[in-house]
Amino acid sequence: MSRQIVIQPMTAAAFAPYGDVIDCAGQPDKVINQGKCGRYHDRARLDFADGRAGISLFDAEPRELPLTLDLVERHPDGSQAFIPMSLTGFLVVVAPDENGKPGAPLAFETAPGQAINFHRGTWHGVLTPLQAPGLFAVVDRIGEGANLQEYWFDTPYTVVSRQ
């Protein structure tokens, strides 16, 4: 038996409790490079308990819907930004914290050109591209100690596309 989660579009307002949507919405904060480049400044709050920010590359295999969601994780010592290196959307699953455990998950699909930043301690699903390539730049905490907590659901969820 599983429970169903319907994917919703990624919006800054809906995602705000869990993190930041990184995109070029609105007018640029500055126009630079001889007027040929709009700078959309400071679009994500990076937050680390210790250590430093690092940039890694993740090469993830695409997944298919419906998707069985049986695991979420969180990083208590640092935020984590996922920046796709292609113009395709990807699936983002998050859950509110309920006394140290994840509550009912939500699923979002980003639009092409959107990236996301999970706030420190946010329960989230694993990296889930729905199309190839699944190449992402990831900005997160580099430092000593474990920065990963996993939670396995006794009853999995099924993530389905909106109709």
C-alpha atoms as a PDB file:
ATOM      1  CA  MET A   1       0.000   0.000   0.000  1.00  0.00           C
ATOM      2  CA  SER A   2       1.297   3.475  -0.800  1.00  0.00           C
ATOM      3  CA  ARG A   3       0.129   7.030  -0.461  1.00  0.00           C
ATOM      4  CA  GLN A   4      -0.047   9.382  -3.429  1.00  0.00           C
ATOM      5  CA  ILE A   5       1.670  12.751  -3.929  1.00  0.00           C
ATOM      6  CA  VAL A   6       0.663  14.837  -6.957  1.00  0.00           C
ATOM      7  CA  ILE A   7       3.454  16.965  -8.428  1.00  0.00           C
ATOM      8  CA  GLN A   8       2.817  20.714  -8.468  1.00  0.00           C
ATOM      9  CA  PRO A   9       4.682  23.429 -10.360  1.00  0.00           C
ATOM     10  CA  MET A  10       7.646  24.982  -8.574  1.00  0.00           C
ATOM     11  CA  THR A  11       6.894  28.500  -7.315  1.00  0.00           C
ATOM     12  CA  ALA A  12       8.900  30.658  -4.926  1.00  0.00           C
ATOM     13  CA  ALA A  13       5.891  31.092  -2.621  1.00  0.00           C
ATOM     14  CA  ALA A  14       5.032  27.379  -2.354  1.00  0.00           C
ATOM     15  CA  PHE A  15       8.682  26.367  -1.849  1.00  0.00           C
ATOM     16  CA  ALA A  16       9.590  29.162   0.628  1.00  0.00           C
ATOM     17  CA  PRO A  17       9.206  27.049   3.801  1.00  0.00           C
ATOM     18  CA  TYR A  18      11.789  24.583   2.443  1.00  0.00           C
ATOM     19  CA  GLY A  19      14.261  26.702   0.507  1.00  0.00           C
ATOM     20  CA  ASP A  20      14.877  29.151  -2.290  1.00  0.00           C
ATOM     21  CA  VAL A  21      13.943  29.023  -5.966  1.00  0.00           C
ATOM     22  CA  ILE A  22      16.894  30.274  -7.979  1.00  0.00           C
ATOM     23  CA  ASP A  23      15.799  31.795 -11.285  1.00  0.00           C
ATOM     24  CA  CYS A  24      15.679  34.972 -13.337  1.00  0.00           C
ATOM     25  CA  ALA A  25      12.161  36.035 -12.305  1.00  0.00           C
ATOM     26  CA  GLY A  26      11.510  39.768 -12.338  1.00  0.00           C
ATOM     27  CA  GLN A  27      13.899  42.462 -13.461  1.00  0.00           C
ATOM     28  CA  PRO A  28      17.658  42.053 -12.973  1.00  0.00           C
ATOM     29  CA  ASP A  29      19.149  43.814  -9.957  1.00  0.00           C
ATOM     30  CA  LYS A  30      21.887  45.214 -12.193  1.00  0.00           C
ATOM     31  CA  VAL A  31      22.823  45.292 -15.840  1.00  0.00           C
ATOM     32  CA  ILE A  32      26.529  44.611 -16.317  1.00  0.00           C
ATOM     33  CA  ASN A  33      29.069  43.654 -18.996  1.00  0.00           C
ATOM     34  CA  GLN A  34      28.521  46.635 -21.255  1.00  0.00           C
ATOM     35  CA  GLY A  35      24.750  46.320 -20.919  1.00  0.00           C
ATOM     36  CA  LYS A  36      24.685  42.739 -22.235  1.00  0.00           C
ATOM     37  CA  CYS A  37      24.115  40.823 -18.981  1.00  0.00           C
ATOM     38  CA  GLY A  38      21.433  41.009 -16.307  1.00  0.00           C
ATOM     39  CA  ARG A  39      22.616  40.143 -12.799  1.00  0.00           C
ATOM     40  CA  TYR A  40      19.962  38.540 -10.593  1.00  0.00           C
ATOM     41  CA  HIS A  41      21.793  39.052  -7.336  1.00  0.00           C
ATOM     42  CA  ASP A  42      21.920  36.891  -4.194  1.00  0.00           C
ATOM     43  CA  ARG A  43      19.088  34.478  -5.055  1.00  0.00           C
ATOM     44  CA  ALA A  44      19.754  31.847  -2.346  1.00  0.00           C
ATOM     45  CA  ARG A  45      20.614  31.843   1.348  1.00  0.00           C
ATOM     46  CA  LEU A  46      23.642  29.614   1.872  1.00  0.00           C
ATOM     47  CA  ASP A  47      23.820  28.577   5.527  1.00  0.00           C
ATOM     48  CA  PHE A  48      26.518  26.425   7.126  1.00  0.00           C
ATOM     49  CA  ALA A  49      27.052  25.582  10.804  1.00  0.00           C
ATOM     50  CA  ASP A  50      30.768  25.142  10.135  1.00  0.00           C
ATOM     51  CA  GLY A  51      33.039  24.174   7.276  1.00  0.00           C
ATOM     52  CA  ARG A  52      32.897  26.015   3.971  1.00  0.00           C
ATOM     53  CA  ALA A  53      30.897  26.187   0.763  1.00  0.00           C
ATOM     54  CA  GLY A  54      32.032  23.841  -1.984  1.00  0.00           C
ATOM     55  CA  ILE A  55      30.886  23.173  -5.536  1.00  0.00           C
ATOM     56  CA  SER A  56      30.546  19.554  -6.645  1.00  0.00           C
ATOM     57  CA  LEU A  57      29.109  17.958  -9.780  1.00  0.00           C
ATOM     58  CA  PHE A  58      26.408  15.279  -9.510  1.00  0.00           C
ATOM     59  CA  ASP A  59      25.644  13.052 -12.512  1.00  0.00           C
ATOM     60  CA  ALA A  60      22.302  11.388 -11.699  1.00  0.00           C
ATOM     61  CA  GLU A  61      20.374   8.842 -13.729  1.00  0.00           C
ATOM     62  CA  PRO A  62      16.913  10.018 -14.801  1.00  0.00           C
ATOM     63  CA  ARG A  63      13.940   8.432 -13.054  1.00  0.00           C
ATOM     64  CA  GLU A  64      10.436   7.698 -14.284  1.00  0.00           C
ATOM     65  CA  LEU A  65       6.985   8.474 -12.949  1.00  0.00           C
ATOM     66  CA  PRO A  66       5.202   7.150 -11.053  1.00  0.00           C
ATOM     67  CA  LEU A  67       8.045   7.222  -8.524  1.00  0.00           C
ATOM     68  CA  THR A  68       8.116   5.271  -5.276  1.00  0.00           C
ATOM     69  CA  LEU A  69       9.208   7.559  -2.439  1.00  0.00           C
ATOM     70  CA  ASP A  70      10.423   5.518   0.503  1.00  0.00           C
ATOM     71  CA  LEU A  71      13.335   7.663   1.701  1.00  0.00           C
ATOM     72  CA  VAL A  72      13.982  11.311   2.513  1.00  0.00           C
ATOM     73  CA  GLU A  73      17.094  12.894   3.944  1.00  0.00           C
ATOM     74  CA  ARG A  74      18.287  16.148   5.446  1.00  0.00           C
ATOM     75  CA  HIS A  75      21.538  17.944   6.135  1.00  0.00           C
ATOM     76  CA  PRO A  76      21.509  19.551   9.590  1.00  0.00           C
ATOM     77  CA  ASP A  77      24.817  21.393   9.156  1.00  0.00           C
ATOM     78  CA  GLY A  78      24.318  23.106   5.811  1.00  0.00           C
ATOM     79  CA  SER A  79      22.064  24.234   3.019  1.00  0.00           C
ATOM     80  CA  GLN A  80      22.294  22.487  -0.351  1.00  0.00           C
ATOM     81  CA  ALA A  81      21.751  24.097  -3.771  1.00  0.00           C
ATOM     82  CA  PHE A  82      21.058  22.078  -6.940  1.00  0.00           C
ATOM     83  CA  ILE A  83      21.785  23.908 -10.196  1.00  0.00           C
ATOM     84  CA  PRO A  84      20.958  21.919 -13.348  1.00  0.00           C
ATOM     85  CA  MET A  85      23.521  22.163 -16.124  1.00  0.00           C
ATOM     86  CA  SER A  86      20.844  21.665 -18.795  1.00  0.00           C
ATOM     87  CA  LEU A  87      17.564  23.416 -19.551  1.00  0.00           C
ATOM     88  CA  THR A  88      15.288  20.681 -18.268  1.00  0.00           C
ATOM     89  CA  GLY A  89      13.127  20.602 -15.173  1.00  0.00           C
ATOM     90  CA  PHE A  90      13.580  18.109 -12.354  1.00  0.00           C
ATOM     91  CA  LEU A  91      11.543  16.662  -9.515  1.00  0.00           C
ATOM     92  CA  VAL A  92      11.938  18.125  -6.014  1.00  0.00           C
ATOM     93  CA  VAL A  93      10.383  16.394  -2.996  1.00  0.00           C
ATOM     94  CA  VAL A  94      10.316  18.097   0.414  1.00  0.00           C
ATOM     95  CA  ALA A  95       8.638  17.457   3.755  1.00  0.00           C
ATOM     96  CA  PRO A  96       8.054  19.631   6.812  1.00  0.00           C
ATOM     97  CA  ASP A  97       9.816  18.670  10.020  1.00  0.00           C
ATOM     98  CA  GLU A  98       7.459  17.269  12.654  1.00  0.00           C
ATOM     99  CA  ASN A  99       9.352  16.768  15.919  1.00  0.00           C
ATOM    100  CA  GLY A 100      12.499  15.491  14.225  1.00  0.00           C
ATOM    101  CA  LYS A 101      10.743  13.342  11.625  1.00  0.00           C
ATOM    102  CA  PRO A 102       9.412  14.237   8.176  1.00  0.00           C
ATOM    103  CA  GLY A 103       5.733  15.123   7.838  1.00  0.00           C
ATOM    104  CA  ALA A 104       3.642  14.610   4.691  1.00  0.00           C
ATOM    105  CA  PRO A 105       5.839  15.198   1.620  1.00  0.00           C
ATOM    106  CA  LEU A 106       5.151  17.602  -1.231  1.00  0.00           C
ATOM    107  CA  ALA A 107       6.445  17.230  -4.790  1.00  0.00           C
ATOM    108  CA  PHE A 108       7.359  20.035  -7.192  1.00  0.00           C
ATOM    109  CA  GLU A 109       8.611  20.040 -10.757  1.00  0.00           C
ATOM    110  CA  THR A 110      10.953  22.861 -11.632  1.00  0.00           C
ATOM    111  CA  ALA A 111      10.643  24.747 -14.897  1.00  0.00           C
ATOM    112  CA  PRO A 112      13.599  24.795 -17.296  1.00  0.00           C
ATOM    113  CA  GLY A 113      16.086  27.361 -16.007  1.00  0.00           C
ATOM    114  CA  GLN A 114      15.080  27.008 -12.324  1.00  0.00           C
ATOM    115  CA  ALA A 115      17.459  25.796  -9.641  1.00  0.00           C
ATOM    116  CA  ILE A 116      16.748  25.291  -5.945  1.00  0.00           C
ATOM    117  CA  ASN A 117      18.458  25.677  -2.594  1.00  0.00           C
ATOM    118  CA  PHE A 118      17.285  23.546   0.345  1.00  0.00           C
ATOM    119  CA  HIS A 119      17.456  25.366   3.663  1.00  0.00           C
ATOM    120  CA  ARG A 120      19.638  23.737   6.297  1.00  0.00           C
ATOM    121  CA  GLY A 121      17.777  20.849   7.963  1.00  0.00           C
ATOM    122  CA  THR A 122      15.043  20.513   5.312  1.00  0.00           C
ATOM    123  CA  TRP A 123      13.780  16.983   4.705  1.00  0.00           C
ATOM    124  CA  HIS A 124      14.017  16.243   0.968  1.00  0.00           C
ATOM    125  CA  GLY A 125      14.023  13.449  -1.563  1.00  0.00           C
ATOM    126  CA  VAL A 126      17.098  12.394  -3.476  1.00  0.00           C
ATOM    127  CA  LEU A 127      18.188  14.153  -6.665  1.00  0.00           C
ATOM    128  CA  THR A 128      15.566  13.212  -9.261  1.00  0.00           C
ATOM    129  CA  PRO A 129      16.048  14.307 -12.857  1.00  0.00           C
ATOM    130  CA  LEU A 130      13.190  13.154 -15.074  1.00  0.00           C
ATOM    131  CA  GLN A 131      15.181  13.524 -18.306  1.00  0.00           C
ATOM    132  CA  ALA A 132      18.776  13.061 -19.392  1.00  0.00           C
ATOM    133  CA  PRO A 133      21.247  14.540 -18.843  1.00  0.00           C
ATOM    134  CA  GLY A 134      21.053  14.593 -15.056  1.00  0.00           C
ATOM    135  CA  LEU A 135      24.117  16.782 -14.560  1.00  0.00           C
ATOM    136  CA  PHE A 136      23.965  19.306 -11.689  1.00  0.00           C
ATOM    137  CA  ALA A 137      26.333  21.700  -9.973  1.00  0.00           C
ATOM    138  CA  VAL A 138      25.750  21.353  -6.234  1.00  0.00           C
ATOM    139  CA  VAL A 139      26.771  23.979  -3.694  1.00  0.00           C
ATOM    140  CA  ASP A 140      26.865  22.584  -0.177  1.00  0.00           C
ATOM    141  CA  ARG A 141      28.859  22.267   3.032  1.00  0.00           C
ATOM    142  CA  ILE A 142      32.341  20.796   2.913  1.00  0.00           C
ATOM    143  CA  GLY A 143      33.582  19.973   6.389  1.00  0.00           C
ATOM    144  CA  GLU A 144      34.256  17.420   9.085  1.00  0.00           C
ATOM    145  CA  GLY A 145      31.588  15.193  10.571  1.00  0.00           C
ATOM    146  CA  ALA A 146      28.419  13.578   9.328  1.00  0.00           C
ATOM    147  CA  ASN A 147      25.917  15.947   7.739  1.00  0.00           C
ATOM    148  CA  LEU A 148      23.292  13.441   6.653  1.00  0.00           C
ATOM    149  CA  GLN A 149      20.192  12.064   8.333  1.00  0.00           C
ATOM    150  CA  GLU A 150      18.000   9.576   6.467  1.00  0.00           C
ATOM    151  CA  TYR A 151      14.410   8.613   7.170  1.00  0.00           C
ATOM    152  CA  TRP A 152      12.762   5.540   5.622  1.00  0.00           C
ATOM    153  CA  PHE A 153       8.954   5.614   5.461  1.00  0.00           C
ATOM    154  CA  ASP A 154       7.206   2.506   6.811  1.00  0.00           C
ATOM    155  CA  THR A 155       4.583   3.002   4.084  1.00  0.00           C
ATOM    156  CA  PRO A 156       6.022   4.490   0.888  1.00  0.00           C
ATOM    157  CA  TYR A 157       4.442   7.271  -1.144  1.00  0.00           C
ATOM    158  CA  THR A 158       3.861   7.241  -4.899  1.00  0.00           C
ATOM    159  CA  VAL A 159       4.703  10.469  -6.732  1.00  0.00           C
ATOM    160  CA  VAL A 160       2.538  11.023  -9.809  1.00  0.00           C
ATOM    161  CA  SER A 161       2.320  13.747 -12.453  1.00  0.00           C
ATOM    162  CA  ARG A 162      -0.502  16.251 -12.373  1.00  0.00           C
ATOM    163  CA  GLN A 163      -3.079  15.687 -15.078  1.00  0.00           C
END
